[in-house]
Amino acid sequence: MLSYWMDFNDPLRTFDSLRRRMDQALREYADSEGRGQNLAFPRAALRDTKDAFVLVAEVPGLADAELQLSATQDSLTVTGERKATAPKGYAVHRRERGDLRFSRSFALPARIDVDKVNAELKNGLLVVTMPKHPESQPKQITVKAA
């Protein structure tokens, strides 16, 4: 069996221990009252198809009336708000799902046609299709022999 001697006066170990304790404290703070979920909510994926950009964002438990989208030629912003209310006549004994408010912007790598943006919400997934502006779409160039 190998024995291992720890030098408690080693400054690198001291800082490593301090970093681990700070990380744990920040995780506990973020988890309390649901603050941790606002860091990157909603989780999303942005795909580039030939003719459009497609954003798929996870927004479970939100209705279409609770979401707002705004688009410019080079960005998309998704904003939402959910209020947690108990039905009348009931008291809340435990609340793990609180109010939720978020806003997230996505920079797009090319211009889009804002008038043709389409958004659908189904099974907790928000799918936003943003057609590329005709000037931003790639054009085929033929090469002629000299």
C-alpha atoms as a PDB file:
ATOM      1  CA  MET A   1       0.000   0.000   0.000  1.00  0.00           C
ATOM      2  CA  LEU A   2       1.275   3.414  -0.898  1.00  0.00           C
ATOM      3  CA  SER A   3       1.080   6.113   1.676  1.00  0.00           C
ATOM      4  CA  TYR A   4       0.483   9.680   0.688  1.00  0.00           C
ATOM      5  CA  TRP A   5       1.762  12.637   2.665  1.00  0.00           C
ATOM      6  CA  MET A   6      -0.228  15.846   2.374  1.00  0.00           C
ATOM      7  CA  ASP A   7       1.597  19.091   2.887  1.00  0.00           C
ATOM      8  CA  PHE A   8      -0.974  21.494   4.301  1.00  0.00           C
ATOM      9  CA  ASN A   9       1.389  24.396   3.770  1.00  0.00           C
ATOM     10  CA  ASP A  10       1.356  23.912   0.000  1.00  0.00           C
ATOM     11  CA  PRO A  11      -0.264  27.105  -1.380  1.00  0.00           C
ATOM     12  CA  LEU A  12      -1.578  25.389  -4.519  1.00  0.00           C
ATOM     13  CA  ARG A  13      -3.563  22.884  -2.475  1.00  0.00           C
ATOM     14  CA  THR A  14      -4.890  25.687  -0.304  1.00  0.00           C
ATOM     15  CA  PHE A  15      -6.144  27.616  -3.335  1.00  0.00           C
ATOM     16  CA  ASP A  16      -7.560  24.467  -4.909  1.00  0.00           C
ATOM     17  CA  SER A  17      -9.494  23.717  -1.739  1.00  0.00           C
ATOM     18  CA  LEU A  18     -10.733  27.310  -1.581  1.00  0.00           C
ATOM     19  CA  ARG A  19     -11.826  27.150  -5.248  1.00  0.00           C
ATOM     20  CA  ARG A  20     -13.774  23.936  -4.617  1.00  0.00           C
ATOM     21  CA  ARG A  21     -15.515  25.441  -1.595  1.00  0.00           C
ATOM     22  CA  MET A  22     -16.421  28.611  -3.537  1.00  0.00           C
ATOM     23  CA  ASP A  23     -17.764  26.535  -6.453  1.00  0.00           C
ATOM     24  CA  GLN A  24     -19.923  24.511  -4.057  1.00  0.00           C
ATOM     25  CA  ALA A  25     -21.216  27.675  -2.368  1.00  0.00           C
ATOM     26  CA  LEU A  26     -22.099  29.243  -5.733  1.00  0.00           C
ATOM     27  CA  ARG A  27     -23.870  26.056  -6.874  1.00  0.00           C
ATOM     28  CA  GLU A  28     -25.931  25.980  -3.676  1.00  0.00           C
ATOM     29  CA  TYR A  29     -26.801  29.669  -4.080  1.00  0.00           C
ATOM     30  CA  ALA A  30     -27.809  29.177  -7.718  1.00  0.00           C
ATOM     31  CA  ASP A  31     -29.960  26.156  -6.874  1.00  0.00           C
ATOM     32  CA  SER A  32     -31.841  27.956  -4.106  1.00  0.00           C
ATOM     33  CA  GLU A  33     -35.093  29.531  -5.312  1.00  0.00           C
ATOM     34  CA  GLY A  34     -34.482  28.364  -8.886  1.00  0.00           C
ATOM     35  CA  ARG A  35     -31.872  31.007  -9.721  1.00  0.00           C
ATOM     36  CA  GLY A  36     -29.631  28.536 -11.522  1.00  0.00           C
ATOM     37  CA  GLN A  37     -32.082  27.909 -14.346  1.00  0.00           C
ATOM     38  CA  ASN A  38     -31.881  31.481 -15.616  1.00  0.00           C
ATOM     39  CA  LEU A  39     -28.241  31.204 -16.673  1.00  0.00           C
ATOM     40  CA  ALA A  40     -28.952  29.707 -20.098  1.00  0.00           C
ATOM     41  CA  PHE A  41     -32.691  29.375 -20.416  1.00  0.00           C
ATOM     42  CA  PRO A  42     -34.130  28.332 -22.731  1.00  0.00           C
ATOM     43  CA  ARG A  43     -31.681  25.755 -23.990  1.00  0.00           C
ATOM     44  CA  ALA A  44     -31.560  26.042 -27.734  1.00  0.00           C
ATOM     45  CA  ALA A  45     -30.011  24.760 -30.936  1.00  0.00           C
ATOM     46  CA  LEU A  46     -29.559  26.891 -34.043  1.00  0.00           C
ATOM     47  CA  ARG A  47     -29.295  25.074 -37.394  1.00  0.00           C
ATOM     48  CA  ASP A  48     -28.376  26.491 -40.765  1.00  0.00           C
ATOM     49  CA  THR A  49     -30.240  24.913 -43.649  1.00  0.00           C
ATOM     50  CA  LYS A  50     -29.713  25.952 -47.232  1.00  0.00           C
ATOM     51  CA  ASP A  51     -32.551  28.484 -47.268  1.00  0.00           C
ATOM     52  CA  ALA A  52     -33.183  29.297 -43.604  1.00  0.00           C
ATOM     53  CA  PHE A  53     -32.007  29.259 -40.013  1.00  0.00           C
ATOM     54  CA  VAL A  54     -33.994  27.031 -37.656  1.00  0.00           C
ATOM     55  CA  LEU A  55     -33.950  27.658 -33.903  1.00  0.00           C
ATOM     56  CA  VAL A  56     -35.283  24.917 -31.619  1.00  0.00           C
ATOM     57  CA  ALA A  57     -35.676  26.012 -27.988  1.00  0.00           C
ATOM     58  CA  GLU A  58     -36.892  24.019 -24.987  1.00  0.00           C
ATOM     59  CA  VAL A  59     -39.668  25.888 -23.167  1.00  0.00           C
ATOM     60  CA  PRO A  60     -41.507  23.238 -21.132  1.00  0.00           C
ATOM     61  CA  GLY A  61     -44.633  24.299 -19.321  1.00  0.00           C
ATOM     62  CA  LEU A  62     -45.048  27.577 -21.209  1.00  0.00           C
ATOM     63  CA  ALA A  63     -48.044  28.424 -23.352  1.00  0.00           C
ATOM     64  CA  ASP A  64     -47.837  30.364 -26.591  1.00  0.00           C
ATOM     65  CA  ALA A  65     -49.402  33.412 -24.892  1.00  0.00           C
ATOM     66  CA  GLU A  66     -46.494  33.497 -22.418  1.00  0.00           C
ATOM     67  CA  LEU A  67     -43.836  33.784 -25.173  1.00  0.00           C
ATOM     68  CA  GLN A  68     -42.825  36.826 -27.189  1.00  0.00           C
ATOM     69  CA  LEU A  69     -40.450  36.829 -30.158  1.00  0.00           C
ATOM     70  CA  SER A  70     -38.779  39.785 -31.788  1.00  0.00           C
ATOM     71  CA  ALA A  71     -36.535  39.572 -34.819  1.00  0.00           C
ATOM     72  CA  THR A  72     -34.244  41.956 -36.613  1.00  0.00           C
ATOM     73  CA  GLN A  73     -32.274  41.221 -39.750  1.00  0.00           C
ATOM     74  CA  ASP A  74     -29.379  39.779 -37.747  1.00  0.00           C
ATOM     75  CA  SER A  75     -30.794  38.666 -34.358  1.00  0.00           C
ATOM     76  CA  LEU A  76     -33.698  36.926 -32.646  1.00  0.00           C
ATOM     77  CA  THR A  77     -34.871  37.524 -29.085  1.00  0.00           C
ATOM     78  CA  VAL A  78     -37.056  35.055 -27.171  1.00  0.00           C
ATOM     79  CA  THR A  79     -38.784  36.436 -24.064  1.00  0.00           C
ATOM     80  CA  GLY A  80     -41.150  34.632 -21.743  1.00  0.00           C
ATOM     81  CA  GLU A  81     -42.850  34.845 -18.396  1.00  0.00           C
ATOM     82  CA  ARG A  82     -44.740  32.284 -16.319  1.00  0.00           C
ATOM     83  CA  LYS A  83     -46.521  33.119 -13.095  1.00  0.00           C
ATOM     84  CA  ALA A  84     -46.984  30.359 -10.551  1.00  0.00           C
ATOM     85  CA  THR A  85     -50.361  30.796  -8.946  1.00  0.00           C
ATOM     86  CA  ALA A  86     -52.347  28.416  -6.790  1.00  0.00           C
ATOM     87  CA  PRO A  87     -56.026  27.848  -7.530  1.00  0.00           C
ATOM     88  CA  LYS A  88     -58.456  29.804  -5.363  1.00  0.00           C
ATOM     89  CA  GLY A  89     -59.237  28.140  -2.068  1.00  0.00           C
ATOM     90  CA  TYR A  90     -55.905  26.294  -1.892  1.00  0.00           C
ATOM     91  CA  ALA A  91     -52.892  27.104   0.222  1.00  0.00           C
ATOM     92  CA  VAL A  92     -49.348  26.527  -0.989  1.00  0.00           C
ATOM     93  CA  HIS A  93     -47.415  24.192   1.295  1.00  0.00           C
ATOM     94  CA  ARG A  94     -44.403  23.619  -0.917  1.00  0.00           C
ATOM     95  CA  ARG A  95     -43.305  25.484  -4.022  1.00  0.00           C
ATOM     96  CA  GLU A  96     -40.518  24.124  -6.186  1.00  0.00           C
ATOM     97  CA  ARG A  97     -41.720  25.785  -9.389  1.00  0.00           C
ATOM     98  CA  GLY A  98     -41.774  29.512  -8.939  1.00  0.00           C
ATOM     99  CA  ASP A  99     -42.290  32.435 -11.241  1.00  0.00           C
ATOM    100  CA  LEU A 100     -40.136  32.379 -14.339  1.00  0.00           C
ATOM    101  CA  ARG A 101     -38.988  35.315 -16.424  1.00  0.00           C
ATOM    102  CA  PHE A 102     -36.341  35.082 -19.128  1.00  0.00           C
ATOM    103  CA  SER A 103     -35.020  36.820 -22.197  1.00  0.00           C
ATOM    104  CA  ARG A 104     -32.392  35.391 -24.517  1.00  0.00           C
ATOM    105  CA  SER A 105     -31.000  36.823 -27.738  1.00  0.00           C
ATOM    106  CA  PHE A 106     -29.367  34.906 -30.555  1.00  0.00           C
ATOM    107  CA  ALA A 107     -27.019  36.545 -33.040  1.00  0.00           C
ATOM    108  CA  LEU A 108     -27.512  35.203 -36.543  1.00  0.00           C
ATOM    109  CA  PRO A 109     -24.573  34.715 -38.921  1.00  0.00           C
ATOM    110  CA  ALA A 110     -26.458  36.180 -41.910  1.00  0.00           C
ATOM    111  CA  ARG A 111     -29.409  38.468 -42.624  1.00  0.00           C
ATOM    112  CA  ILE A 112     -32.927  37.034 -42.501  1.00  0.00           C
ATOM    113  CA  ASP A 113     -36.212  38.035 -44.090  1.00  0.00           C
ATOM    114  CA  VAL A 114     -38.050  39.305 -41.002  1.00  0.00           C
ATOM    115  CA  ASP A 115     -41.478  39.294 -42.688  1.00  0.00           C
ATOM    116  CA  LYS A 116     -41.348  35.526 -43.313  1.00  0.00           C
ATOM    117  CA  VAL A 117     -40.289  34.338 -39.834  1.00  0.00           C
ATOM    118  CA  ASN A 118     -42.517  31.492 -38.599  1.00  0.00           C
ATOM    119  CA  ALA A 119     -42.771  30.160 -35.018  1.00  0.00           C
ATOM    120  CA  GLU A 120     -44.530  27.038 -33.722  1.00  0.00           C
ATOM    121  CA  LEU A 121     -44.872  25.683 -30.184  1.00  0.00           C
ATOM    122  CA  LYS A 122     -45.492  21.953 -29.784  1.00  0.00           C
ATOM    123  CA  ASN A 123     -44.807  19.630 -26.838  1.00  0.00           C
ATOM    124  CA  GLY A 124     -42.614  22.171 -25.062  1.00  0.00           C
ATOM    125  CA  LEU A 125     -40.428  22.879 -28.111  1.00  0.00           C
ATOM    126  CA  LEU A 126     -40.423  26.263 -29.780  1.00  0.00           C
ATOM    127  CA  VAL A 127     -39.388  25.951 -33.433  1.00  0.00           C
ATOM    128  CA  VAL A 128     -38.593  29.236 -35.181  1.00  0.00           C
ATOM    129  CA  THR A 129     -37.909  29.130 -38.920  1.00  0.00           C
ATOM    130  CA  MET A 130     -36.150  32.222 -40.248  1.00  0.00           C
ATOM    131  CA  PRO A 131     -35.733  32.314 -44.043  1.00  0.00           C
ATOM    132  CA  LYS A 132     -32.492  33.885 -45.230  1.00  0.00           C
ATOM    133  CA  HIS A 133     -32.625  37.199 -47.003  1.00  0.00           C
ATOM    134  CA  PRO A 134     -32.228  36.653 -50.775  1.00  0.00           C
ATOM    135  CA  GLU A 135     -28.971  38.652 -50.757  1.00  0.00           C
ATOM    136  CA  SER A 136     -27.553  36.399 -48.017  1.00  0.00           C
ATOM    137  CA  GLN A 137     -28.198  33.114 -49.798  1.00  0.00           C
ATOM    138  CA  PRO A 138     -25.222  31.574 -51.582  1.00  0.00           C
ATOM    139  CA  LYS A 139     -25.201  31.855 -55.349  1.00  0.00           C
ATOM    140  CA  GLN A 140     -23.788  29.324 -57.797  1.00  0.00           C
ATOM    141  CA  ILE A 141     -21.125  30.733 -60.079  1.00  0.00           C
ATOM    142  CA  THR A 142     -20.205  28.861 -63.208  1.00  0.00           C
ATOM    143  CA  VAL A 143     -16.598  28.736 -64.312  1.00  0.00           C
ATOM    144  CA  LYS A 144     -15.967  29.283 -67.992  1.00  0.00           C
ATOM    145  CA  ALA A 145     -12.930  27.947 -69.762  1.00  0.00           C
ATOM    146  CA  ALA A 146     -10.777  30.558 -71.468  1.00  0.00           C
END
